[in-house]
Amino acid sequence: MEYFEDLEVGVAHTVGEFELREEDIIRFASEWDPQPFHVDPEAARRTPMGGITASACHIMAVAAWLMRYQKPLAVIAAARHEFDLLNPARPGDRISKTSTCLEKRPSKSKPDRGIAIFDSLLKTQAGTEIARLRSTIVVARRGQG
């Protein structure tokens, strides 16, 4: 378990690999984001994307799934997430996640915690950047409370 004191600003950690399969993209999107370019290969070929792409919801779920490979963080709360799609994710892409602590500061009002901001970048096996997730996390301090 990593606590506020363990976090090192500027240090990047890359974890996991998740392969997107066309049938999984279609299944996920059929339930959560049933746009033609996510669920119908023929319709998707006629779009500017030129084929099936994973939905933003699916990519966010992949980011969450990849967290299982990170060292657990003593999270009190996730205060904010900003999510940017950078490029389409397609069947066959193998996605990894690199997270970097950008800054951290002790809480001014609650001594048992601190605030940390992380930047996470999801990339394919070819290095194509798929998405960026910026998260503000409230993290427990060791031995406090």
Protein backbone atom coordinates (compact mmCIF):
# COMPACT_ATOMS: atom_id res chain seq x y z
CA MET A 1 0.00 0.00 0.00
CA GLU A 2 1.36 3.39 -0.99
CA TYR A 3 0.61 6.39 1.18
CA PHE A 4 0.97 10.10 0.49
CA GLU A 5 4.58 10.05 1.75
CA ASP A 6 5.49 7.27 -0.69
CA LEU A 7 4.48 9.20 -3.81
CA GLU A 8 7.35 10.63 -5.85
CA VAL A 9 6.60 13.56 -8.11
CA GLY A 10 7.81 12.99 -11.66
CA VAL A 11 8.23 9.22 -11.40
CA ALA A 12 6.36 7.26 -14.10
CA HIS A 13 5.05 3.71 -13.72
CA THR A 14 3.84 1.66 -16.70
CA VAL A 15 1.50 -1.25 -16.08
CA GLY A 16 -0.40 -4.02 -17.78
CA GLU A 17 -1.57 -4.68 -21.23
CA PHE A 18 -5.16 -5.04 -22.34
CA GLU A 19 -6.01 -6.28 -25.82
CA LEU A 20 -9.10 -4.88 -27.47
CA ARG A 21 -10.97 -7.51 -29.47
CA GLU A 22 -13.64 -6.56 -32.00
CA GLU A 23 -16.27 -8.79 -30.39
CA ASP A 24 -15.61 -7.19 -26.98
CA ILE A 25 -15.81 -3.65 -28.42
CA ILE A 26 -19.15 -4.50 -30.05
CA ARG A 27 -20.50 -6.24 -26.93
CA PHE A 28 -19.50 -3.37 -24.62
CA ALA A 29 -20.86 -0.69 -26.95
CA SER A 30 -24.08 -2.63 -27.60
CA GLU A 31 -24.90 -2.22 -23.93
CA TRP A 32 -23.30 1.13 -23.03
CA ASP A 33 -22.74 3.22 -26.18
CA PRO A 34 -24.62 1.75 -29.16
CA GLN A 35 -23.38 4.12 -31.85
CA PRO A 36 -23.08 2.55 -35.34
CA PHE A 37 -19.30 3.13 -35.47
CA HIS A 38 -18.92 1.03 -32.27
CA VAL A 39 -21.35 -1.80 -33.04
CA ASP A 40 -21.72 -2.21 -36.82
CA PRO A 41 -18.53 -3.02 -38.78
CA GLU A 42 -20.09 -2.11 -42.15
CA ALA A 43 -21.47 1.23 -40.92
CA ALA A 44 -18.15 1.93 -39.18
CA ARG A 45 -16.23 1.45 -42.45
CA ARG A 46 -18.26 4.29 -43.98
CA THR A 47 -17.29 6.78 -41.24
CA PRO A 48 -14.17 8.98 -41.19
CA MET A 49 -12.71 6.43 -38.70
CA GLY A 50 -12.83 3.75 -41.40
CA GLY A 51 -13.75 0.94 -39.02
CA ILE A 52 -14.85 -0.13 -35.58
CA THR A 53 -13.50 1.92 -32.68
CA ALA A 54 -13.88 1.44 -28.95
CA SER A 55 -16.17 3.87 -27.16
CA ALA A 56 -14.88 6.40 -24.66
CA CYS A 57 -16.73 4.47 -21.94
CA HIS A 58 -14.85 1.31 -22.91
CA ILE A 59 -11.47 3.06 -22.84
CA MET A 60 -12.24 4.50 -19.39
CA ALA A 61 -13.16 0.98 -18.23
CA VAL A 62 -9.85 -0.34 -19.62
CA ALA A 63 -7.99 2.38 -17.70
CA ALA A 64 -9.75 1.29 -14.51
CA TRP A 65 -9.03 -2.39 -15.28
CA LEU A 66 -5.31 -1.67 -15.73
CA MET A 67 -5.18 -0.18 -12.22
CA ARG A 68 -5.17 -3.75 -10.88
CA TYR A 69 -1.50 -3.93 -11.87
CA GLN A 70 -0.50 -0.81 -9.96
CA LYS A 71 0.63 -0.88 -6.35
CA PRO A 72 -2.49 -0.14 -4.27
CA LEU A 73 -2.84 3.47 -3.19
CA ALA A 74 -4.32 4.47 0.18
CA VAL A 75 -7.13 6.38 -1.51
CA ILE A 76 -9.61 8.28 0.62
CA ALA A 77 -11.45 9.76 -2.36
CA ALA A 78 -11.15 10.51 -6.05
CA ALA A 79 -11.85 14.23 -6.17
CA ARG A 80 -11.72 14.80 -9.93
CA HIS A 81 -11.03 13.05 -13.22
CA GLU A 82 -10.46 14.69 -16.60
CA PHE A 83 -10.49 12.35 -19.59
CA ASP A 84 -9.28 13.21 -23.09
CA LEU A 85 -9.53 10.94 -26.11
CA LEU A 86 -6.47 11.44 -28.28
CA ASN A 87 -6.83 8.77 -31.00
CA PRO A 88 -9.28 5.99 -31.79
CA ALA A 89 -8.73 2.61 -30.17
CA ARG A 90 -9.26 -0.28 -32.55
CA PRO A 91 -9.53 -4.05 -32.49
CA GLY A 92 -6.11 -5.59 -31.97
CA ASP A 93 -4.72 -2.65 -30.02
CA ARG A 94 -2.91 -3.72 -26.87
CA ILE A 95 -3.17 -0.89 -24.36
CA SER A 96 -0.83 -0.11 -21.49
CA LYS A 97 -1.11 2.67 -18.91
CA THR A 98 1.68 4.94 -17.72
CA SER A 99 0.92 7.03 -14.64
CA THR A 100 3.00 9.89 -13.28
CA CYS A 101 2.47 11.84 -10.08
CA LEU A 102 2.56 15.47 -11.24
CA GLU A 103 2.23 17.12 -7.87
CA LYS A 104 1.33 16.47 -4.27
CA ARG A 105 0.57 18.64 -1.28
CA PRO A 106 -0.55 18.01 2.29
CA SER A 107 -4.12 18.97 3.10
CA LYS A 108 -4.31 22.32 4.89
CA SER A 109 -7.44 21.38 6.84
CA LYS A 110 -7.02 17.62 7.46
CA PRO A 111 -3.59 16.41 8.61
CA ASP A 112 -4.41 12.74 7.94
CA ARG A 113 -4.35 13.21 4.17
CA GLY A 114 -2.81 14.86 1.16
CA ILE A 115 -3.82 15.71 -2.39
CA ALA A 116 -2.04 14.18 -5.36
CA ILE A 117 -2.49 14.84 -9.07
CA PHE A 118 -1.72 12.02 -11.49
CA ASP A 119 -1.43 12.05 -15.25
CA SER A 120 -2.11 8.68 -16.88
CA LEU A 121 -1.49 8.02 -20.56
CA LEU A 122 -2.95 5.02 -22.37
CA LYS A 123 -0.92 3.85 -25.37
CA THR A 124 -1.05 1.06 -27.91
CA GLN A 125 1.74 -1.44 -28.53
CA ALA A 126 2.87 0.85 -31.39
CA GLY A 127 3.12 3.83 -29.04
CA THR A 128 -0.02 5.58 -30.30
CA GLU A 129 -1.53 7.68 -27.53
CA ILE A 130 -5.18 6.67 -27.08
CA ALA A 131 -6.26 8.68 -24.04
CA ARG A 132 -5.07 10.84 -21.18
CA LEU A 133 -6.59 10.77 -17.71
CA ARG A 134 -5.77 13.48 -15.20
CA SER A 135 -6.87 12.55 -11.68
CA THR A 136 -6.93 14.47 -8.42
CA ILE A 137 -6.84 11.95 -5.59
CA VAL A 138 -7.12 12.37 -1.81
CA VAL A 139 -4.53 10.01 -0.30
CA ALA A 140 -4.10 8.91 3.32
CA ARG A 141 -0.94 9.88 5.15
CA ARG A 142 0.98 7.12 6.90
CA GLY A 143 0.31 6.86 10.63
CA GLN A 144 -2.32 9.60 10.62
CA GLY A 145 -5.77 8.73 11.94
